[in-house]
Amino acid sequence: MDFKVQIADLLYKQFNDLSKEEIISMLEIPPSPDMGDYAFPCFRLAKLFKKSPAMIAEETVKVLEKPDFIKEIKNVTGYINFYIDKAKFASAILESVLKSKEKYGSSNEGEGKNIVVDYSAPNIAKPFHVGHLRSTVIGGSIYRIYKHLGYNCIGVNHLGDWGTQFGKLIVAYKKWGSKEAVEQGGIKELMRIYVLFHEEAEKDPSLEDEARSWFTKMERGDEEALSLWNWFKDISLEEFNKVYKLLGVEFDSYAGESFYNDKMEAIIEELDRKGLLKDSEGAKIVDLEDVNMPPCLITKKDGSTLYATRDITAAIYRKNTYDFHKCIYVTALAQNLHFAQWFEVIKRMGYDWYDRLVHVPFGLVSMETGKLSTRKGNVVLLEELLKEAIEKTKQIINDKNPDLEDKETVAEQVGIGAVVFNDLSNNRIKDVVFSWDKVLNFDGETGPYVQYTHARACSVLRKSDIKVDEENIDFNVLTDPASIEVIRLIGQFPEKVKDAAEKLEPSFIARYVVDLAQAFNKFYHDNPILTEDEAVKKARLALVYSVKIVLSSGLYLLGVKSPEKM
């Protein structure tokens, strides 16, 4: 039973000036169980009925017919508060979880709709460092959340595999590198010579001209230049894939910037044909002064293209290829203007799907020692960070549970889970200062705490001798405050998933699973589960099993594994 829909039906009889959909959207879950299970605010109705919200609530409570699933309806300061019969509440929610299992909280709202998620997008020949973590895990989580809601998701890794940095790298390789050193050192060696290039270019600016010259050769199809570029690309992808494997992240497309090289000319001609291009000192721009934005640069005066040219081309290609319902770009907050500019260009080109393009900005990651900079070599490689997290977790396991089965796997799941959860538990727009102490703190509101709670639920289920199903459960057993609080939170999961999708905010899920874990641990402390009373045992095990399912699903949506033993 969907209590929200049932209550909306009840209210619609009194407020038919509102649609049922509006009433459902207005219904709230109060912050405390003392205030009811659902609350309907009457403030929006004051103007319509020319009465105070308190008076509207008071009059409505008197005339509402109370169905059998509602124990009490109260008027409280302009709200109509609904108190659900606790046993029926427990029955409706837990039966739904036990029946749906891992599909609980999912829906088919996205059926037949494609969502493109553009995320991670590291630069080729540069190290995959901790600064790339945010786009990768936020995008990966958004992909999973939308998939849970029935959308067909296409994950795109728009690799930074073109641009003048490759000219710089070729110059650096020819001056200070060697084939043997690159083959042995991989991306670390490429980073070393790239950093060296910038140090030397400060003393000798002519190196910048050499770099531009080599990039021009690449654009013109020079065999040597493209051969080196492909080599650097292969080395980089090999390194990146090690990190993606550790994070459990996969992509449906690796079409990077270079993929659009032969597609941009047609787009530039289209912009010109539609009268959008203007000359500006030899460069081609789209003037956006009328919307208070700087011009969008399409080609430089030497004819070379820019990020905006590629992004416009990529968006049109993706619409033609995937016919997306939304195309989501997960990049740093600093790129807000860039996306606003080329989104506006798409609009002016006459494409009515411009409003399906969504930029999902996030704050930056910095180390406690300061800002990250590839040029200066001030980076922490993500692969090294993840491996260190695994090693530190292994030490903790050896101290606390040395006889744990399959320690290596659990250490990997918990160590990487700690890093991912730490990132996603922050509101994405906030800047994050990366701290080892905070990431690997296994107490409090952390990934390992939620994983441990899941493992605790699994342990209880293993020790029981009852197969949990939705049949013959006495839900009257589950009406104590600790049980009802857990059930109340379980009932919120479908809405939390929808909210996370709507706001493109995985932190909603992270905060939710922490709340559920805390409530479950209180229930576990207050209520003996494996008792001699079969009815009590069966009912409490049904709750434990439901918690296990929802914690596992919530962690999965974040890209975090759920160990069954810890």
Protein backbone atom coordinates (compact mmCIF):
# COMPACT_ATOMS: atom_id res chain seq x y z
CA MET A 1 0.00 0.00 0.00
CA ASP A 2 1.31 3.46 -0.92
CA PHE A 3 0.19 5.53 2.07
CA LYS A 4 1.11 8.78 0.36
CA VAL A 5 -1.21 8.08 -2.56
CA GLN A 6 -4.01 6.94 -0.22
CA ILE A 7 -3.70 10.12 1.87
CA ALA A 8 -3.64 12.23 -1.31
CA ASP A 9 -6.90 10.58 -2.41
CA LEU A 10 -8.38 11.46 0.96
CA LEU A 11 -7.29 15.11 0.77
CA TYR A 12 -8.36 15.45 -2.87
CA LYS A 13 -11.99 15.07 -1.81
CA GLN A 14 -11.58 18.29 0.22
CA PHE A 15 -9.13 20.19 -1.97
CA ASN A 16 -10.13 19.35 -5.53
CA ASP A 17 -8.84 22.73 -6.70
CA LEU A 18 -5.48 20.98 -6.49
CA SER A 19 -4.53 17.98 -8.60
CA LYS A 20 -3.66 14.68 -6.90
CA GLU A 21 -0.10 15.09 -8.20
CA GLU A 22 0.16 18.51 -6.50
CA ILE A 23 -1.16 17.09 -3.23
CA ILE A 24 1.34 14.20 -3.37
CA SER A 25 4.19 16.65 -3.98
CA MET A 26 3.07 18.78 -1.01
CA LEU A 27 2.91 15.90 1.47
CA GLU A 28 5.91 15.88 3.78
CA ILE A 29 7.53 13.40 6.13
CA PRO A 30 7.81 15.17 9.52
CA PRO A 31 11.26 15.38 11.14
CA SER A 32 10.03 13.50 14.22
CA PRO A 33 7.64 10.51 14.58
CA ASP A 34 5.84 12.49 17.33
CA MET A 35 4.60 14.79 14.56
CA GLY A 36 3.07 11.93 12.59
CA ASP A 37 4.11 9.86 9.61
CA TYR A 38 2.92 12.31 6.96
CA ALA A 39 2.06 16.01 7.13
CA PHE A 40 0.13 18.23 4.72
CA PRO A 41 0.95 21.98 4.93
CA CYS A 42 -2.04 24.28 4.40
CA PHE A 43 -0.10 27.53 3.84
CA ARG A 44 -0.47 27.50 0.05
CA LEU A 45 -4.26 27.21 0.48
CA ALA A 46 -4.63 30.36 2.61
CA LYS A 47 -4.99 32.68 -0.39
CA LEU A 48 -7.31 30.26 -2.22
CA PHE A 49 -9.73 29.84 0.72
CA LYS A 50 -9.12 33.29 2.25
CA LYS A 51 -8.53 31.68 5.65
CA SER A 52 -5.53 31.14 7.88
CA PRO A 53 -3.60 27.85 7.39
CA ALA A 54 -4.45 26.88 11.01
CA MET A 55 -8.17 27.36 10.39
CA ILE A 56 -8.05 25.38 7.11
CA ALA A 57 -6.23 22.53 8.89
CA GLU A 58 -8.68 22.58 11.83
CA GLU A 59 -11.80 22.51 9.61
CA THR A 60 -10.38 19.81 7.34
CA VAL A 61 -9.46 17.47 10.21
CA LYS A 62 -13.09 17.60 11.41
CA VAL A 63 -14.54 16.40 8.09
CA LEU A 64 -11.90 13.92 6.88
CA GLU A 65 -13.03 10.29 6.91
CA LYS A 66 -10.44 8.25 8.74
CA PRO A 67 -9.58 5.03 6.83
CA ASP A 68 -8.59 1.93 8.81
CA PHE A 69 -4.87 2.34 8.13
CA ILE A 70 -4.84 5.73 9.86
CA LYS A 71 -4.86 5.75 13.64
CA GLU A 72 -5.14 9.50 14.16
CA ILE A 73 -5.35 12.81 12.24
CA LYS A 74 -4.29 16.01 14.01
CA ASN A 75 -4.23 19.71 13.22
CA VAL A 76 -0.89 21.23 14.30
CA THR A 77 -0.04 24.89 13.48
CA GLY A 78 -1.27 24.90 9.91
CA TYR A 79 -0.39 21.28 9.16
CA ILE A 80 -2.66 18.23 8.91
CA ASN A 81 -0.66 15.42 10.51
CA PHE A 82 -1.46 11.78 9.75
CA TYR A 83 -0.52 8.97 12.14
CA ILE A 84 -0.50 5.56 10.45
CA ASP A 85 -1.49 2.44 12.40
CA LYS A 86 1.95 1.10 13.38
CA ALA A 87 1.31 -2.58 12.59
CA LYS A 88 -0.19 -1.74 9.20
CA PHE A 89 2.70 0.67 8.59
CA ALA A 90 5.25 -2.08 9.36
CA SER A 91 3.35 -4.59 7.26
CA ALA A 92 3.06 -2.39 4.17
CA ILE A 93 6.71 -1.34 4.11
CA LEU A 94 8.43 -4.59 5.07
CA GLU A 95 6.24 -6.74 2.82
CA SER A 96 7.15 -4.43 -0.07
CA VAL A 97 10.90 -4.82 0.65
CA LEU A 98 10.71 -8.59 1.15
CA LYS A 99 8.76 -8.99 -2.08
CA SER A 100 10.88 -6.62 -4.22
CA LYS A 101 14.26 -7.41 -2.61
CA GLU A 102 17.09 -5.56 -4.45
CA LYS A 103 14.50 -3.88 -6.73
CA TYR A 104 12.95 -2.07 -3.76
CA GLY A 105 13.13 1.67 -4.42
CA SER A 106 13.44 1.14 -8.16
CA SER A 107 10.81 2.19 -10.69
CA ASN A 108 10.01 2.15 -14.39
CA GLU A 109 9.62 5.94 -14.65
CA GLY A 110 12.56 6.08 -17.07
CA GLU A 111 11.39 3.30 -19.35
CA GLY A 112 12.24 4.09 -22.97
CA LYS A 113 14.29 7.18 -22.05
CA ASN A 114 18.05 7.52 -22.56
CA ILE A 115 20.29 9.40 -20.14
CA VAL A 116 23.84 10.24 -21.23
CA VAL A 117 26.21 10.81 -18.29
CA ASP A 118 29.55 12.41 -19.23
CA TYR A 119 31.96 11.93 -16.33
CA SER A 120 35.55 11.29 -15.21
CA ALA A 121 37.19 12.55 -18.45
CA PRO A 122 40.85 12.62 -17.37
CA ASN A 123 43.50 14.12 -19.63
CA ILE A 124 45.61 11.61 -21.53
CA ALA A 125 49.31 11.55 -20.61
CA LYS A 126 48.60 13.20 -17.26
CA PRO A 127 48.33 11.31 -13.98
CA PHE A 128 44.96 10.12 -12.74
CA HIS A 129 45.13 11.88 -9.39
CA VAL A 130 42.86 12.44 -6.40
CA GLY A 131 41.43 15.54 -8.09
CA HIS A 132 39.78 13.28 -10.69
CA LEU A 133 38.03 11.22 -8.03
CA ARG A 134 35.02 13.53 -7.66
CA SER A 135 33.84 13.52 -11.28
CA THR A 136 34.38 9.76 -11.49
CA VAL A 137 32.44 8.76 -8.37
CA ILE A 138 29.72 11.45 -8.60
CA GLY A 139 29.08 10.58 -12.25
CA GLY A 140 29.21 6.85 -11.54
CA SER A 141 26.64 7.24 -8.76
CA ILE A 142 24.29 9.39 -10.88
CA TYR A 143 24.52 6.70 -13.60
CA ARG A 144 23.48 3.99 -11.12
CA ILE A 145 20.70 6.09 -9.57
CA TYR A 146 19.07 6.80 -12.93
CA LYS A 147 19.44 3.16 -13.96
CA HIS A 148 17.65 2.17 -10.72
CA LEU A 149 14.75 4.36 -11.85
CA GLY A 150 14.45 2.50 -15.15
CA TYR A 151 16.36 4.82 -17.47
CA ASN A 152 18.71 3.47 -20.13
CA CYS A 153 22.02 5.07 -19.16
CA ILE A 154 25.00 5.67 -21.42
CA GLY A 155 28.21 6.46 -19.54
CA VAL A 156 30.65 8.51 -21.60
CA ASN A 157 34.30 9.07 -20.70
CA HIS A 158 35.06 12.19 -22.77
CA LEU A 159 38.82 11.76 -22.60
CA GLY A 160 41.02 14.83 -22.87
CA ASP A 161 43.01 13.31 -25.71
CA TRP A 162 43.66 16.34 -27.93
CA GLY A 163 45.19 19.78 -27.55
CA THR A 164 48.44 21.71 -27.24
CA GLN A 165 49.49 19.73 -24.14
CA PHE A 166 50.42 16.92 -26.51
CA GLY A 167 52.72 19.25 -28.37
CA LYS A 168 54.35 20.06 -25.04
CA LEU A 169 54.69 16.38 -24.19
CA ILE A 170 56.26 15.54 -27.56
CA VAL A 171 58.82 18.32 -27.10
CA ALA A 172 59.52 17.13 -23.55
CA TYR A 173 59.89 13.52 -24.70
CA LYS A 174 62.30 14.42 -27.47
CA LYS A 175 64.44 16.61 -25.22
CA TRP A 176 64.46 14.78 -21.88
CA GLY A 177 62.75 11.40 -22.31
CA SER A 178 63.46 8.01 -23.85
CA LYS A 179 61.45 5.02 -25.03
CA GLU A 180 62.96 2.82 -22.31
CA ALA A 181 62.17 5.31 -19.53
CA VAL A 182 58.54 5.74 -20.65
CA GLU A 183 58.00 1.99 -21.03
CA GLN A 184 59.40 1.42 -17.55
CA GLY A 185 57.88 4.42 -15.75
CA GLY A 186 54.60 4.72 -17.62
CA ILE A 187 52.43 7.69 -16.71
CA LYS A 188 54.78 8.76 -13.90
CA GLU A 189 57.56 9.28 -16.43
CA LEU A 190 55.19 11.22 -18.71
CA MET A 191 54.28 13.40 -15.74
CA ARG A 192 57.97 13.94 -14.91
CA ILE A 193 58.83 15.24 -18.36
CA TYR A 194 55.59 17.26 -18.58
CA VAL A 195 56.44 19.05 -15.32
CA LEU A 196 60.00 19.55 -16.58
CA PHE A 197 58.68 21.16 -19.77
CA HIS A 198 56.84 23.85 -17.77
CA GLU A 199 59.87 24.49 -15.57
CA GLU A 200 62.12 24.91 -18.62
CA ALA A 201 59.51 26.94 -20.58
CA GLU A 202 59.59 29.58 -17.82
CA LYS A 203 63.27 30.07 -18.64
CA ASP A 204 62.94 29.57 -22.42
CA PRO A 205 59.53 30.70 -23.81
CA SER A 206 60.49 29.46 -27.31
CA LEU A 207 59.62 25.94 -26.05
CA GLU A 208 55.93 27.00 -26.15
CA ASP A 209 56.32 27.78 -29.89
CA GLU A 210 57.88 24.36 -30.45
CA ALA A 211 54.97 22.73 -28.65
CA ARG A 212 52.41 24.60 -30.77
CA SER A 213 54.31 23.55 -33.88
CA TRP A 214 54.13 19.86 -32.91
CA PHE A 215 50.41 20.12 -32.17
CA THR A 216 49.86 21.70 -35.59
CA LYS A 217 51.67 18.66 -37.07
CA MET A 218 49.25 16.42 -35.18
CA GLU A 219 46.27 18.32 -36.58
CA ARG A 220 47.68 17.97 -40.11
CA GLY A 221 48.13 14.23 -39.75
CA ASP A 222 51.93 14.08 -39.35
CA GLU A 223 52.84 10.40 -38.97
CA GLU A 224 55.50 10.81 -36.25
CA ALA A 225 53.38 13.19 -34.18
CA LEU A 226 50.30 10.92 -34.32
CA SER A 227 52.39 7.83 -33.58
CA LEU A 228 53.74 9.41 -30.37
CA TRP A 229 50.25 10.66 -29.47
CA ASN A 230 48.74 7.18 -29.85
CA TRP A 231 51.55 5.70 -27.76
CA PHE A 232 50.99 8.21 -24.95
CA LYS A 233 47.25 7.49 -25.17
CA ASP A 234 47.68 3.70 -24.89
CA ILE A 235 49.97 4.08 -21.85
CA SER A 236 47.45 6.42 -20.19
CA LEU A 237 44.41 4.20 -20.81
CA GLU A 238 46.24 1.22 -19.35
CA GLU A 239 46.88 3.22 -16.18
CA PHE A 240 43.36 4.68 -16.05
CA ASN A 241 41.76 1.25 -16.39
CA LYS A 242 43.61 0.02 -13.30
CA VAL A 243 41.89 2.76 -11.31
CA TYR A 244 38.49 2.18 -12.91
CA LYS A 245 38.78 -1.53 -12.08
CA LEU A 246 39.51 -0.73 -8.42
CA LEU A 247 36.55 1.67 -8.29
CA GLY A 248 34.23 -0.72 -10.14
CA VAL A 249 33.49 1.98 -12.73
CA GLU A 250 32.72 1.12 -16.35
CA PHE A 251 31.87 3.23 -19.41
CA ASP A 252 29.80 2.60 -22.50
CA SER A 253 31.89 4.99 -24.62
CA TYR A 254 35.44 6.33 -24.49
CA ALA A 255 34.88 8.82 -27.33
CA GLY A 256 37.17 11.68 -26.34
CA GLU A 257 37.96 15.05 -27.88
CA SER A 258 39.87 13.57 -30.84
CA PHE A 259 36.76 11.59 -31.89
CA TYR A 260 35.15 14.85 -33.04
CA ASN A 261 38.06 16.15 -35.14
CA ASP A 262 36.39 15.20 -38.44
CA LYS A 263 32.93 16.32 -37.29
CA MET A 264 33.59 19.93 -36.26
CA GLU A 265 33.87 21.48 -39.72
CA ALA A 266 30.22 20.69 -40.48
CA ILE A 267 29.16 22.31 -37.19
CA ILE A 268 31.25 25.44 -37.85
CA GLU A 269 29.62 25.69 -41.31
CA GLU A 270 26.18 25.29 -39.69
CA LEU A 271 26.92 28.09 -37.22
CA ASP A 272 28.01 30.29 -40.12
CA ARG A 273 25.00 29.36 -42.26
CA LYS A 274 22.66 30.28 -39.40
CA GLY A 275 24.30 33.69 -39.08
CA LEU A 276 25.70 33.06 -35.62
CA LEU A 277 29.43 33.48 -36.33
CA LYS A 278 31.19 36.82 -36.11
CA ASP A 279 34.78 37.79 -36.83
CA SER A 280 36.78 39.06 -33.87
CA GLU A 281 40.38 39.94 -34.74
CA GLY A 282 40.56 36.91 -37.03
CA ALA A 283 38.88 34.54 -34.56
CA LYS A 284 35.32 33.24 -35.00
CA ILE A 285 32.93 33.87 -32.11
CA VAL A 286 29.26 33.69 -31.17
CA ASP A 287 28.38 37.00 -29.52
CA LEU A 288 26.51 36.48 -26.23
CA GLU A 289 26.58 40.07 -24.96
CA ASP A 290 22.76 40.26 -24.94
CA VAL A 291 22.66 37.57 -22.22
CA ASN A 292 25.51 39.14 -20.23
CA MET A 293 28.09 36.50 -21.13
CA PRO A 294 31.48 36.80 -22.81
CA PRO A 295 31.56 35.64 -26.46
CA CYS A 296 31.80 31.88 -27.10
CA LEU A 297 35.04 31.32 -29.02
CA ILE A 298 34.58 28.78 -31.83
CA THR A 299 37.90 29.03 -33.70
CA LYS A 300 41.13 30.88 -32.96
CA LYS A 301 42.60 33.24 -35.54
CA ASP A 302 44.85 30.41 -36.77
CA GLY A 303 41.72 28.37 -37.46
CA SER A 304 42.21 25.85 -34.62
CA THR A 305 39.20 24.76 -32.59
CA LEU A 306 38.53 24.97 -28.86
CA TYR A 307 36.76 23.08 -26.07
CA ALA A 308 33.45 24.79 -26.89
CA THR A 309 33.65 23.71 -30.55
CA ARG A 310 34.16 20.10 -29.47
CA ASP A 311 31.43 20.21 -26.83
CA ILE A 312 28.86 21.65 -29.25
CA THR A 313 29.82 19.01 -31.83
CA ALA A 314 29.71 16.22 -29.22
CA ALA A 315 26.26 17.29 -27.95
CA ILE A 316 24.77 17.24 -31.47
CA TYR A 317 26.43 13.88 -32.18
CA ARG A 318 25.05 12.42 -28.93
CA LYS A 319 21.54 13.69 -29.61
CA ASN A 320 21.64 12.15 -33.10
CA THR A 321 23.16 8.89 -31.82
CA TYR A 322 21.36 8.34 -28.50
CA ASP A 323 18.30 10.65 -28.74
CA PHE A 324 18.87 11.44 -25.07
CA HIS A 325 16.19 12.52 -22.59
CA LYS A 326 19.00 14.28 -20.70
CA CYS A 327 22.71 14.73 -21.30
CA ILE A 328 24.47 15.27 -17.96
CA TYR A 329 27.97 16.73 -17.64
CA VAL A 330 29.78 16.14 -14.34
CA THR A 331 32.62 18.67 -14.15
CA ALA A 332 34.11 21.20 -11.75
CA LEU A 333 32.21 24.29 -10.64
CA ALA A 334 34.88 26.44 -12.31
CA GLN A 335 33.49 25.38 -15.70
CA ASN A 336 30.03 26.87 -15.08
CA LEU A 337 30.52 29.74 -17.54
CA HIS A 338 31.91 27.46 -20.25
CA PHE A 339 28.80 25.25 -20.13
CA ALA A 340 26.40 28.20 -19.89
CA GLN A 341 28.02 29.69 -23.03
CA TRP A 342 27.85 26.67 -25.30
CA PHE A 343 24.40 25.61 -23.99
CA GLU A 344 23.26 29.06 -25.16
CA VAL A 345 24.88 28.48 -28.56
CA ILE A 346 22.96 25.20 -28.93
CA LYS A 347 19.75 27.13 -28.15
CA ARG A 348 20.54 29.77 -30.78
CA MET A 349 21.21 27.07 -33.35
CA GLY A 350 17.50 26.28 -33.05
CA TYR A 351 17.76 22.94 -31.24
CA ASP A 352 14.74 22.59 -28.96
CA TRP A 353 16.56 20.06 -26.77
CA TYR A 354 19.00 22.66 -25.42
CA ASP A 355 17.19 22.47 -22.07
CA ARG A 356 18.00 18.74 -21.84
CA LEU A 357 21.68 19.60 -21.38
CA VAL A 358 22.55 19.64 -17.68
CA HIS A 359 25.79 20.74 -16.05
CA VAL A 360 26.39 19.07 -12.66
CA PRO A 361 29.12 21.15 -11.00
CA PHE A 362 31.19 20.05 -8.01
CA GLY A 363 33.70 21.65 -5.68
CA LEU A 364 37.41 21.05 -5.94
CA VAL A 365 39.62 18.64 -4.04
CA SER A 366 42.75 19.99 -2.42
CA MET A 367 45.32 18.36 -0.19
CA GLU A 368 46.01 19.55 3.33
CA THR A 369 49.33 20.77 1.86
CA GLY A 370 47.60 22.98 -0.74
CA LYS A 371 46.05 23.01 -4.21
CA LEU A 372 46.72 20.25 -6.71
CA SER A 373 48.76 21.18 -9.78
CA THR A 374 49.81 18.76 -12.53
CA ARG A 375 52.22 21.33 -13.96
CA LYS A 376 54.07 21.57 -10.66
CA GLY A 377 53.83 17.86 -9.90
CA ASN A 378 51.83 18.48 -6.71
CA VAL A 379 49.49 15.50 -7.10
CA VAL A 380 48.55 12.30 -5.30
CA LEU A 381 48.03 9.49 -7.80
CA LEU A 382 44.60 7.96 -7.35
CA GLU A 383 45.82 4.38 -7.83
CA GLU A 384 48.42 4.87 -5.07
CA LEU A 385 45.80 6.46 -2.81
CA LEU A 386 43.37 3.56 -3.28
CA LYS A 387 46.09 0.97 -2.71
CA GLU A 388 47.21 2.76 0.45
CA ALA A 389 43.58 2.78 1.67
CA ILE A 390 43.46 -0.99 1.10
CA GLU A 391 46.72 -1.52 3.01
CA LYS A 392 45.61 0.61 5.95
CA THR A 393 42.30 -1.28 6.06
CA LYS A 394 44.18 -4.57 6.05
CA GLN A 395 46.14 -3.41 9.11
CA ILE A 396 42.90 -2.55 10.92
CA ILE A 397 41.42 -5.98 10.06
CA ASN A 398 44.58 -7.71 11.33
CA ASP A 399 44.26 -5.80 14.62
CA LYS A 400 40.50 -6.27 15.12
CA ASN A 401 39.57 -9.50 13.34
CA PRO A 402 42.72 -11.42 12.32
CA ASP A 403 40.78 -14.63 11.58
CA LEU A 404 38.41 -12.98 9.08
CA GLU A 405 37.86 -15.05 5.93
CA ASP A 406 39.06 -13.59 2.62
CA LYS A 407 40.79 -10.60 4.24
CA GLU A 408 42.23 -9.35 0.94
CA THR A 409 38.81 -8.94 -0.68
CA VAL A 410 37.24 -7.35 2.38
CA ALA A 411 40.18 -4.94 2.77
CA GLU A 412 39.73 -3.86 -0.85
CA GLN A 413 35.97 -3.42 -0.50
CA VAL A 414 36.24 -1.47 2.75
CA GLY A 415 39.34 0.59 1.88
CA ILE A 416 38.01 1.74 -1.48
CA GLY A 417 34.51 2.09 -0.03
CA ALA A 418 35.91 4.46 2.61
CA VAL A 419 37.44 6.73 -0.05
CA VAL A 420 34.35 6.75 -2.29
CA PHE A 421 31.87 7.21 0.57
CA ASN A 422 33.93 10.02 2.07
CA ASP A 423 33.67 11.92 -1.20
CA LEU A 424 29.98 11.24 -1.85
CA SER A 425 28.89 12.02 1.71
CA ASN A 426 29.80 15.66 1.02
CA ASN A 427 27.37 17.91 -0.81
CA ARG A 428 28.90 17.87 -4.30
CA ILE A 429 29.13 21.65 -4.58
CA LYS A 430 31.40 21.94 -1.54
CA ASP A 431 35.18 22.00 -1.82
CA VAL A 432 36.81 18.98 -0.19
CA VAL A 433 40.13 18.99 1.63
CA PHE A 434 41.50 15.46 1.32
CA SER A 435 42.64 14.13 4.69
CA TRP A 436 43.90 10.60 5.30
CA ASP A 437 42.75 10.75 8.92
CA LYS A 438 39.20 11.61 7.90
CA VAL A 439 38.97 9.20 4.95
CA LEU A 440 40.19 6.22 6.95
CA ASN A 441 38.33 7.02 10.15
CA PHE A 442 36.19 3.92 10.57
CA ASP A 443 34.03 5.38 13.33
CA GLY A 444 31.03 7.65 13.01
CA GLU A 445 29.30 8.65 9.79
CA THR A 446 31.55 6.78 7.38
CA GLY A 447 31.38 4.16 4.66
CA PRO A 448 33.02 1.47 6.82
CA TYR A 449 30.45 2.12 9.56
CA VAL A 450 27.59 1.47 7.11
CA GLN A 451 29.39 -1.57 5.66
CA TYR A 452 29.93 -2.95 9.18
CA THR A 453 26.22 -2.49 9.94
CA HIS A 454 25.37 -4.44 6.77
CA ALA A 455 27.79 -7.20 7.82
CA ARG A 456 26.17 -7.25 11.29
CA ALA A 457 22.74 -7.79 9.72
CA CYS A 458 24.19 -10.60 7.58
CA SER A 459 25.71 -12.20 10.69
CA VAL A 460 22.35 -12.22 12.50
CA LEU A 461 20.66 -13.81 9.49
CA ARG A 462 23.37 -16.49 9.23
CA LYS A 463 22.90 -17.43 12.89
CA SER A 464 19.13 -17.78 12.57
CA ASP A 465 17.41 -20.98 11.55
CA ILE A 466 14.45 -19.30 9.85
CA LYS A 467 14.02 -18.53 6.16
CA VAL A 468 12.74 -14.97 6.01
CA ASP A 469 9.77 -14.31 3.74
CA GLU A 470 6.73 -12.05 3.79
CA GLU A 471 4.34 -14.81 4.89
CA ASN A 472 2.88 -15.24 8.40
CA ILE A 473 4.67 -12.35 10.09
CA ASP A 474 3.05 -10.79 13.16
CA PHE A 475 3.75 -7.11 12.52
CA ASN A 476 2.26 -6.13 15.89
CA VAL A 477 5.62 -7.25 17.32
CA LEU A 478 7.33 -4.35 15.47
CA THR A 479 5.50 -1.39 17.00
CA ASP A 480 8.11 -0.35 19.59
CA PRO A 481 9.86 3.02 18.96
CA ALA A 482 13.21 1.53 17.81
CA SER A 483 11.55 -0.84 15.32
CA ILE A 484 9.19 1.82 13.97
CA GLU A 485 12.06 4.28 13.46
CA VAL A 486 13.94 1.72 11.34
CA ILE A 487 10.78 0.90 9.35
CA ARG A 488 10.02 4.60 8.88
CA LEU A 489 13.49 5.10 7.38
CA ILE A 490 13.18 2.02 5.16
CA GLY A 491 9.92 3.48 3.83
CA GLN A 492 11.74 6.67 2.82
CA PHE A 493 14.25 4.90 0.55
CA PRO A 494 12.27 5.12 -2.74
CA GLU A 495 11.76 8.85 -2.20
CA LYS A 496 15.43 9.41 -1.34
CA VAL A 497 16.43 7.74 -4.63
CA LYS A 498 14.04 10.00 -6.58
CA ASP A 499 15.29 13.09 -4.72
CA ALA A 500 18.91 12.15 -5.45
CA ALA A 501 18.07 11.81 -9.16
CA GLU A 502 16.08 15.02 -9.29
CA LYS A 503 18.76 17.08 -7.51
CA LEU A 504 21.64 15.06 -9.04
CA GLU A 505 22.97 14.74 -5.49
CA PRO A 506 24.37 11.34 -4.39
CA SER A 507 25.04 12.74 -0.91
CA PHE A 508 21.30 12.29 -0.21
CA ILE A 509 21.82 8.53 -0.46
CA ALA A 510 25.03 8.62 1.60
CA ARG A 511 23.39 10.52 4.44
CA TYR A 512 20.35 8.26 4.26
CA VAL A 513 22.29 4.98 4.66
CA VAL A 514 24.14 6.44 7.66
CA ASP A 515 20.79 7.35 9.29
CA LEU A 516 19.42 3.87 8.58
CA ALA A 517 22.58 2.20 9.95
CA GLN A 518 22.38 4.26 13.14
CA ALA A 519 18.68 3.47 13.63
CA PHE A 520 19.30 -0.23 13.01
CA ASN A 521 22.14 -0.37 15.53
CA LYS A 522 19.83 1.18 18.15
CA PHE A 523 17.16 -1.43 17.27
CA TYR A 524 19.80 -4.17 17.53
CA HIS A 525 20.83 -2.89 20.96
CA ASP A 526 17.25 -2.53 22.26
CA ASN A 527 15.67 -5.70 20.87
CA PRO A 528 16.99 -9.26 21.26
CA ILE A 529 16.48 -10.84 17.84
CA LEU A 530 17.21 -14.56 18.15
CA THR A 531 14.73 -15.12 21.00
CA GLU A 532 12.82 -18.30 21.86
CA ASP A 533 9.53 -16.65 20.90
CA GLU A 534 9.14 -17.74 17.27
CA ALA A 535 6.71 -14.94 16.33
CA VAL A 536 9.02 -12.26 17.76
CA LYS A 537 12.09 -13.84 16.17
CA LYS A 538 10.47 -14.11 12.74
CA ALA A 539 9.19 -10.52 12.77
CA ARG A 540 12.53 -9.07 13.92
CA LEU A 541 14.46 -11.14 11.38
CA ALA A 542 12.16 -9.76 8.66
CA LEU A 543 13.22 -6.29 9.75
CA VAL A 544 16.92 -7.28 9.81
CA TYR A 545 16.66 -8.77 6.32
CA SER A 546 14.92 -5.63 5.04
CA VAL A 547 17.70 -3.46 6.47
CA LYS A 548 20.31 -5.67 4.82
CA ILE A 549 18.56 -5.28 1.44
CA VAL A 550 18.21 -1.49 1.67
CA LEU A 551 21.74 -0.84 2.98
CA SER A 552 23.15 -3.01 0.19
CA SER A 553 21.07 -1.17 -2.44
CA GLY A 554 22.00 2.25 -1.05
CA LEU A 555 25.71 1.41 -1.01
CA TYR A 556 25.47 0.00 -4.55
CA LEU A 557 23.97 3.27 -5.80
CA LEU A 558 27.06 5.01 -4.41
CA GLY A 559 29.42 2.50 -6.03
CA VAL A 560 30.38 0.96 -2.66
CA LYS A 561 30.49 -2.80 -2.02
CA SER A 562 28.61 -4.50 0.84
CA PRO A 563 30.78 -7.14 2.57
CA GLU A 564 28.84 -9.87 4.36
CA LYS A 565 31.63 -10.38 6.91
CA MET A 566 33.95 -7.80 8.49
